[in-house]
PDB file of N, CA and C in Angstrom:
ATOM      1  N   MET A   1       9.182  13.731  80.835  1.00  0.00           N
ATOM      2  CA  MET A   1      10.250  14.699  80.602  1.00  0.00           C
ATOM      3  C   MET A   1      11.511  13.909  80.292  1.00  0.00           C
ATOM      4  N   THR A   2      12.245  14.346  79.383  1.00  0.00           N
ATOM      5  CA  THR A   2      13.504  13.630  78.933  1.00  0.00           C
ATOM      6  C   THR A   2      14.658  14.080  79.791  1.00  0.00           C
ATOM      7  N   ASN A   3      15.667  13.285  79.813  1.00  0.00           N
ATOM      8  CA  ASN A   3      16.838  13.590  80.625  1.00  0.00           C
ATOM      9  C   ASN A   3      17.715  14.603  79.889  1.00  0.00           C
ATOM     10  N   PRO A   4      17.994  15.735  80.560  1.00  0.00           N
ATOM     11  CA  PRO A   4      18.795  16.846  79.851  1.00  0.00           C
ATOM     12  C   PRO A   4      20.269  16.556  79.866  1.00  0.00           C
ATOM     13  N   ILE A   5      20.782  15.669  80.664  1.00  0.00           N
ATOM     14  CA  ILE A   5      22.225  15.430  80.807  1.00  0.00           C
ATOM     15  C   ILE A   5      22.791  15.142  79.438  1.00  0.00           C
ATOM     16  N   PRO A   6      22.372  14.261  78.625  1.00  0.00           N
ATOM     17  CA  PRO A   6      23.051  14.033  77.318  1.00  0.00           C
ATOM     18  C   PRO A   6      23.080  15.313  76.458  1.00  0.00           C
ATOM     19  N   ARG A   7      22.075  16.095  76.453  1.00  0.00           N
ATOM     20  CA  ARG A   7      22.027  17.361  75.681  1.00  0.00           C
ATOM     21  C   ARG A   7      23.014  18.292  76.232  1.00  0.00           C
ATOM     22  N   ILE A   8      23.209  18.397  77.505  1.00  0.00           N
ATOM     23  CA  ILE A   8      24.128  19.313  78.130  1.00  0.00           C
ATOM     24  C   ILE A   8      25.558  18.873  77.734  1.00  0.00           C
ATOM     25  N   ARG A   9      25.804  17.546  77.880  1.00  0.00           N
ATOM     26  CA  ARG A   9      27.058  16.974  77.541  1.00  0.00           C
ATOM     27  C   ARG A   9      27.489  17.314  76.076  1.00  0.00           C
ATOM     28  N   GLU A  10      26.500  17.124  75.196  1.00  0.00           N
ATOM     29  CA  GLU A  10      26.795  17.362  73.806  1.00  0.00           C
ATOM     30  C   GLU A  10      27.042  18.833  73.549  1.00  0.00           C
ATOM     31  N   PHE A  11      26.291  19.710  74.211  1.00  0.00           N
ATOM     32  CA  PHE A  11      26.513  21.135  74.075  1.00  0.00           C
ATOM     33  C   PHE A  11      27.943  21.546  74.526  1.00  0.00           C
ATOM     34  N   LEU A  12      28.354  21.019  75.683  1.00  0.00           N
ATOM     35  CA  LEU A  12      29.706  21.334  76.175  1.00  0.00           C
ATOM     36  C   LEU A  12      30.827  20.779  75.317  1.00  0.00           C
ATOM     37  N   THR A  13      30.547  19.546  74.763  1.00  0.00           N
ATOM     38  CA  THR A  13      31.542  19.016  73.829  1.00  0.00           C
ATOM     39  C   THR A  13      31.657  19.892  72.652  1.00  0.00           C
ATOM     40  N   GLU A  14      30.556  20.408  72.048  1.00  0.00           N
ATOM     41  CA  GLU A  14      30.620  21.325  70.923  1.00  0.00           C
ATOM     42  C   GLU A  14      31.232  22.661  71.255  1.00  0.00           C
ATOM     43  N   VAL A  15      31.043  23.143  72.429  1.00  0.00           N
ATOM     44  CA  VAL A  15      31.723  24.402  72.877  1.00  0.00           C
ATOM     45  C   VAL A  15      33.233  24.186  72.922  1.00  0.00           C
ATOM     46  N   PHE A  16      33.693  23.062  73.482  1.00  0.00           N
ATOM     47  CA  PHE A  16      35.141  22.868  73.548  1.00  0.00           C
ATOM     48  C   PHE A  16      35.753  22.728  72.108  1.00  0.00           C
ATOM     49  N   VAL A  17      34.988  22.045  71.188  1.00  0.00           N
ATOM     50  CA  VAL A  17      35.455  21.901  69.771  1.00  0.00           C
ATOM     51  C   VAL A  17      35.622  23.251  69.167  1.00  0.00           C
ATOM     52  N   GLU A  18      34.615  24.190  69.363  1.00  0.00           N
ATOM     53  CA  GLU A  18      34.668  25.498  68.838  1.00  0.00           C
ATOM     54  C   GLU A  18      35.822  26.305  69.425  1.00  0.00           C
ATOM     55  N   LEU A  19      36.009  26.211  70.653  1.00  0.00           N
ATOM     56  CA  LEU A  19      37.080  26.968  71.394  1.00  0.00           C
ATOM     57  C   LEU A  19      38.472  26.614  70.833  1.00  0.00           C
ATOM     58  N   LYS A  20      38.607  25.217  70.449  1.00  0.00           N
ATOM     59  CA  LYS A  20      39.925  24.870  69.921  1.00  0.00           C
ATOM     60  C   LYS A  20      40.151  25.503  68.522  1.00  0.00           C
ATOM     61  N   LYS A  21      39.134  25.828  67.875  1.00  0.00           N
ATOM     62  CA  LYS A  21      39.216  26.401  66.527  1.00  0.00           C
ATOM     63  C   LYS A  21      39.603  27.875  66.627  1.00  0.00           C
ATOM     64  N   SER A  22      39.378  28.513  67.783  1.00  0.00           N
ATOM     65  CA  SER A  22      39.628  29.967  67.964  1.00  0.00           C
ATOM     66  C   SER A  22      41.087  30.321  67.903  1.00  0.00           C
ATOM     67  N   ALA A  23      41.356  31.508  67.423  1.00  0.00           N
ATOM     68  CA  ALA A  23      42.697  31.988  67.419  1.00  0.00           C
ATOM     69  C   ALA A  23      42.982  32.815  68.604  1.00  0.00           C
ATOM     70  N   TRP A  24      43.732  32.296  69.542  1.00  0.00           N
ATOM     71  CA  TRP A  24      44.000  32.949  70.827  1.00  0.00           C
ATOM     72  C   TRP A  24      45.136  33.929  70.681  1.00  0.00           C
ATOM     73  N   PRO A  25      45.084  35.100  71.277  1.00  0.00           N
ATOM     74  CA  PRO A  25      46.184  36.103  71.163  1.00  0.00           C
ATOM     75  C   PRO A  25      47.472  35.647  71.912  1.00  0.00           C
ATOM     76  N   THR A  26      48.536  36.087  71.478  1.00  0.00           N
ATOM     77  CA  THR A  26      49.782  35.870  72.212  1.00  0.00           C
ATOM     78  C   THR A  26      49.773  36.760  73.414  1.00  0.00           C
ATOM     79  N   ARG A  27      50.728  36.522  74.362  1.00  0.00           N
ATOM     80  CA  ARG A  27      50.783  37.303  75.541  1.00  0.00           C
ATOM     81  C   ARG A  27      51.106  38.786  75.222  1.00  0.00           C
ATOM     82  N   SER A  28      51.972  39.026  74.254  1.00  0.00           N
ATOM     83  CA  SER A  28      52.351  40.430  73.936  1.00  0.00           C
ATOM     84  C   SER A  28      51.126  41.132  73.280  1.00  0.00           C
ATOM     85  N   GLU A  29      50.361  40.399  72.370  1.00  0.00           N
ATOM     86  CA  GLU A  29      49.168  40.985  71.817  1.00  0.00           C
ATOM     87  C   GLU A  29      48.138  41.365  72.880  1.00  0.00           C
ATOM     88  N   LEU A  30      48.002  40.464  73.908  1.00  0.00           N
ATOM     89  CA  LEU A  30      47.082  40.693  74.985  1.00  0.00           C
ATOM     90  C   LEU A  30      47.516  41.870  75.804  1.00  0.00           C
ATOM     91  N   VAL A  31      48.721  41.976  76.041  1.00  0.00           N
ATOM     92  CA  VAL A  31      49.285  43.193  76.871  1.00  0.00           C
ATOM     93  C   VAL A  31      49.078  44.527  76.064  1.00  0.00           C
ATOM     94  N   ASP A  32      49.403  44.421  74.755  1.00  0.00           N
ATOM     95  CA  ASP A  32      49.195  45.631  73.913  1.00  0.00           C
ATOM     96  C   ASP A  32      47.739  46.028  73.909  1.00  0.00           C
ATOM     97  N   SER A  33      46.908  45.068  73.712  1.00  0.00           N
ATOM     98  CA  SER A  33      45.459  45.444  73.611  1.00  0.00           C
ATOM     99  C   SER A  33      44.928  45.940  74.969  1.00  0.00           C
ATOM    100  N   THR A  34      45.451  45.410  76.064  1.00  0.00           N
ATOM    101  CA  THR A  34      45.032  45.902  77.392  1.00  0.00           C
ATOM    102  C   THR A  34      45.403  47.326  77.541  1.00  0.00           C
ATOM    103  N   LEU A  35      46.663  47.687  77.205  1.00  0.00           N
ATOM    104  CA  LEU A  35      47.256  48.974  77.292  1.00  0.00           C
ATOM    105  C   LEU A  35      46.430  49.950  76.453  1.00  0.00           C
ATOM    106  N   VAL A  36      46.029  49.570  75.250  1.00  0.00           N
ATOM    107  CA  VAL A  36      45.234  50.446  74.419  1.00  0.00           C
ATOM    108  C   VAL A  36      43.864  50.704  75.060  1.00  0.00           C
ATOM    109  N   VAL A  37      43.256  49.688  75.618  1.00  0.00           N
ATOM    110  CA  VAL A  37      41.967  49.884  76.346  1.00  0.00           C
ATOM    111  C   VAL A  37      42.105  50.808  77.556  1.00  0.00           C
ATOM    112  N   LEU A  38      43.141  50.575  78.385  1.00  0.00           N
ATOM    113  CA  LEU A  38      43.351  51.442  79.545  1.00  0.00           C
ATOM    114  C   LEU A  38      43.653  52.853  79.203  1.00  0.00           C
ATOM    115  N   VAL A  39      44.478  53.114  78.189  1.00  0.00           N
ATOM    116  CA  VAL A  39      44.751  54.489  77.748  1.00  0.00           C
ATOM    117  C   VAL A  39      43.505  55.115  77.158  1.00  0.00           C
ATOM    118  N   THR A  40      42.739  54.481  76.384  1.00  0.00           N
ATOM    119  CA  THR A  40      41.489  54.971  75.796  1.00  0.00           C
ATOM    120  C   THR A  40      40.545  55.285  76.977  1.00  0.00           C
ATOM    121  N   VAL A  41      40.333  54.464  77.974  1.00  0.00           N
ATOM    122  CA  VAL A  41      39.443  54.736  79.100  1.00  0.00           C
ATOM    123  C   VAL A  41      39.911  55.935  79.806  1.00  0.00           C
ATOM    124  N   ILE A  42      41.212  56.104  80.058  1.00  0.00           N
ATOM    125  CA  ILE A  42      41.756  57.245  80.760  1.00  0.00           C
ATOM    126  C   ILE A  42      41.523  58.539  80.021  1.00  0.00           C
ATOM    127  N   VAL A  43      41.862  58.490  78.737  1.00  0.00           N
ATOM    128  CA  VAL A  43      41.675  59.637  77.898  1.00  0.00           C
ATOM    129  C   VAL A  43      40.165  60.149  77.807  1.00  0.00           C
ATOM    130  N   LEU A  44      39.227  59.128  77.650  1.00  0.00           N
ATOM    131  CA  LEU A  44      37.874  59.485  77.600  1.00  0.00           C
ATOM    132  C   LEU A  44      37.359  59.977  78.930  1.00  0.00           C
ATOM    133  N   GLY A  45      37.911  59.374  80.065  1.00  0.00           N
ATOM    134  CA  GLY A  45      37.509  59.840  81.338  1.00  0.00           C
ATOM    135  C   GLY A  45      37.835  61.245  81.532  1.00  0.00           C
ATOM    136  N   VAL A  46      39.118  61.680  81.159  1.00  0.00           N
ATOM    137  CA  VAL A  46      39.588  63.039  81.268  1.00  0.00           C
ATOM    138  C   VAL A  46      38.752  64.001  80.432  1.00  0.00           C
ATOM    139  N   PHE A  47      38.454  63.552  79.192  1.00  0.00           N
ATOM    140  CA  PHE A  47      37.703  64.350  78.253  1.00  0.00           C
ATOM    141  C   PHE A  47      36.215  64.583  78.887  1.00  0.00           C
ATOM    142  N   VAL A  48      35.602  63.588  79.432  1.00  0.00           N
ATOM    143  CA  VAL A  48      34.314  63.776  79.944  1.00  0.00           C
ATOM    144  C   VAL A  48      34.341  64.709  81.217  1.00  0.00           C
ATOM    145  N   SER A  49      35.398  64.513  81.980  1.00  0.00           N
ATOM    146  CA  SER A  49      35.434  65.351  83.226  1.00  0.00           C
ATOM    147  C   SER A  49      35.716  66.853  82.801  1.00  0.00           C
ATOM    148  N   VAL A  50      36.522  67.100  81.842  1.00  0.00           N
ATOM    149  CA  VAL A  50      36.774  68.459  81.396  1.00  0.00           C
ATOM    150  C   VAL A  50      35.492  69.027  80.724  1.00  0.00           C
ATOM    151  N   ALA A  51      34.751  68.192  79.871  1.00  0.00           N
ATOM    152  CA  ALA A  51      33.613  68.655  79.319  1.00  0.00           C
ATOM    153  C   ALA A  51      32.513  69.027  80.400  1.00  0.00           C
ATOM    154  N   ASP A  52      32.453  68.180  81.425  1.00  0.00           N
ATOM    155  CA  ASP A  52      31.508  68.414  82.499  1.00  0.00           C
ATOM    156  C   ASP A  52      31.801  69.729  83.188  1.00  0.00           C
ATOM    157  N   VAL A  53      33.046  69.970  83.531  1.00  0.00           N
ATOM    158  CA  VAL A  53      33.432  71.324  84.130  1.00  0.00           C
ATOM    159  C   VAL A  53      33.124  72.455  83.257  1.00  0.00           C
ATOM    160  N   VAL A  54      33.476  72.400  81.953  1.00  0.00           N
ATOM    161  CA  VAL A  54      33.262  73.529  81.042  1.00  0.00           C
ATOM    162  C   VAL A  54      31.747  73.745  80.883  1.00  0.00           C
ATOM    163  N   PHE A  55      30.954  72.610  80.685  1.00  0.00           N
ATOM    164  CA  PHE A  55      29.460  72.914  80.596  1.00  0.00           C
ATOM    165  C   PHE A  55      28.798  73.394  81.830  1.00  0.00           C
ATOM    166  N   ALA A  56      29.258  72.929  82.993  1.00  0.00           N
ATOM    167  CA  ALA A  56      28.795  73.443  84.258  1.00  0.00           C
ATOM    168  C   ALA A  56      29.128  74.960  84.383  1.00  0.00           C
ATOM    169  N   TRP A  57      30.329  75.307  83.995  1.00  0.00           N
ATOM    170  CA  TRP A  57      30.775  76.745  84.111  1.00  0.00           C
ATOM    171  C   TRP A  57      29.855  77.580  83.123  1.00  0.00           C
ATOM    172  N   ALA A  58      29.640  77.064  81.917  1.00  0.00           N
ATOM    173  CA  ALA A  58      28.875  77.726  80.880  1.00  0.00           C
ATOM    174  C   ALA A  58      27.410  77.993  81.339  1.00  0.00           C
ATOM    175  N   ILE A  59      26.928  76.922  81.930  1.00  0.00           N
ATOM    176  CA  ILE A  59      25.431  76.994  82.339  1.00  0.00           C
ATOM    177  C   ILE A  59      25.372  78.015  83.545  1.00  0.00           C
ATOM    178  N   ARG A  60      26.282  78.033  84.427  1.00  0.00           N
ATOM    179  CA  ARG A  60      26.309  79.042  85.536  1.00  0.00           C
ATOM    180  C   ARG A  60      26.459  80.362  84.962  1.00  0.00           C
ATOM    181  N   TRP A  61      27.323  80.602  83.997  1.00  0.00           N
ATOM    182  CA  TRP A  61      27.530  81.931  83.387  1.00  0.00           C
ATOM    183  C   TRP A  61      26.258  82.345  82.687  1.00  0.00           C
ATOM    184  N   LEU A  62      25.645  81.447  81.941  1.00  0.00           N
ATOM    185  CA  LEU A  62      24.473  81.858  81.150  1.00  0.00           C
ATOM    186  C   LEU A  62      23.249  82.140  82.023  1.00  0.00           C
ATOM    187  N   THR A  63      23.189  81.482  83.161  1.00  0.00           N
ATOM    188  CA  THR A  63      21.976  81.684  84.043  1.00  0.00           C
ATOM    189  C   THR A  63      22.239  82.744  85.091  1.00  0.00           C
ATOM    190  N   GLY A  64      23.511  83.231  85.181  1.00  0.00           N
ATOM    191  CA  GLY A  64      23.870  84.262  86.093  1.00  0.00           C
ATOM    192  C   GLY A  64      23.918  83.751  87.526  1.00  0.00           C
ATOM    193  N   ALA A  65      23.941  82.441  87.694  1.00  0.00           N
ATOM    194  CA  ALA A  65      24.102  81.856  89.093  1.00  0.00           C
ATOM    195  C   ALA A  65      25.563  82.069  89.588  1.00  0.00           C
ATOM    196  N   ALA A  66      25.638  81.980  90.905  1.00  0.00           N
ATOM    197  CA  ALA A  66      26.923  82.246  91.525  1.00  0.00           C
ATOM    198  C   ALA A  66      27.776  81.114  91.248  1.00  0.00           C
TER     199      ALA A  66
END
């Protein structure tokens, strides 16, 4: 069995080289993106909750349940 340490070291070196090539967002871009995600999650959560209540009401009405 060969020693895996040189392969791991080479892999990590290549990872760091690729990370340096990446375009990292500025702080304001990161804040803006985070706000968009949070607002989207909240809006979709409200939508799903309202749809759940409406469908539950419709099913109770259609089945004649109390």
